[in-house]
């Protein structure tokens, strides 16, 4: 039987070379060669692959295929299960990314304990830490006195093929590999973390997951640019890509799905780092709403929607005299290009001339959002800071702003307003409903002000504000 061999494959022109070259001799692209295992050619007598027509399979109707769906595996962390769509799917591959020290290993160790508490077995393969270090972390999290002490098995190994063999022998319900950048395949000469090693290791582990039915979670590190290290094909190989974000010096963590074949990518998970690890936040609607002193210009609360979850986020803005050179446009947690657009619309359509001034904007709590509904509260915060008139504390605003200064309705308005009313807000500034759209009743205790233009929204927000 012919042995596997590795070649260097150009990702641009598909040229195969026996050794690494830079640039590619055929297309001249720099950094496009990736080490790849080349399968030996199949002969006519070779058995067909499983899953092909020649192996005996045949097309099936959707109703028959739906009967093969397996029940999801709850991981014991409600926020993680929510982002995954209700739990991990047996045989699926999940890539969990995040910056070093953000809490990825802690989250997965808690997930392993959750599976163990439900009676499942877990294989935790680590190539970065020793088994004793994992045990020390479990002891700090208070997991050594529970079922996880026996049901979670630690394997200090970086060879992907050996990890796959251990999974086939033990048949765990959950397989955790920490991290994919440390996994290697002996058939390749590249070092751990190289493009070829990461891709082939992930392929070996994916094959083991499909064969054993174990839900598999791969840990991936994040580069300086914010993307998961490794080839882009790694994200195509897995079934879900989950990102754990947050400030390492703070306690708040967010979970988002950039890709999910088994659920929505719009859901947001909120966690808080405490003494016993990561815990779900009891009131996620108020997670990013800090205690406000009141009376300060440039702040307003926005009822936003992340997936099916409404959040109240405080938007802060500061307009200051430009010190020198071109005016600055600085945003934290939001799109700075959108901030520059709103500055132009305010000056041209609403009479708030701040184009020659430095503008700073911030979403309190360290969250990052890119929702069009953030336009109106951000514009009102800028107008409040420029006029030095605070917006009353009981006011919320939501809506999309167009280049002509018009306001456009946003999805899920009723759900946003109910959340604002639940937290004691009394006035909501929203866009006028589309012509012919049915008017929804306002929540009890909340007065809804519908406006058509940005200028009208500014007047409505500042009419009750004291003049300084």
Foldseek 3Di string as FASTA:
>chain_A
DDDKAKWWAFPPPRDTHRDDDAPDPPPNDGPRTAIAIDDDDDDPPDQDDPPDVSVPDDDDDPVVVVVPFDDAQALQAVLVCVQQPRHFGFLFEEEEEEAPLLAPLLVVLSSQLRSQQVPFAEEEEEQPDDPVVSVVSCVQLVSCVDSSVPRYHYHHDQELLVLLVVCVVPLTQAYEYHALQSHAHPNDPDHRNGQHGSVVSLVSNSVSRNVSRHRYYHYFYADPVGHTRYDPVSVVVGQWYKYWDDDSVAFKIKIFIPHHNNHDRQDIFIWGQDSNGTHGDPCQQCQQPDDDPDPFALKAWAFDDRPPDTHIWIKGKAWAADPDDAAAQEEAQEDSVLVLLLQVLCVPAQVQNRRRTHMYMYIGPRHHDYDQQVSLRNSLSVVRNSQVWHFGHLEYETFHADSNQWTDADPPPQVSQVSSVVVPRQEYEYADDDPPDDDDDGPPRHHYDHDTGSNVVNCVRRVPTDHD
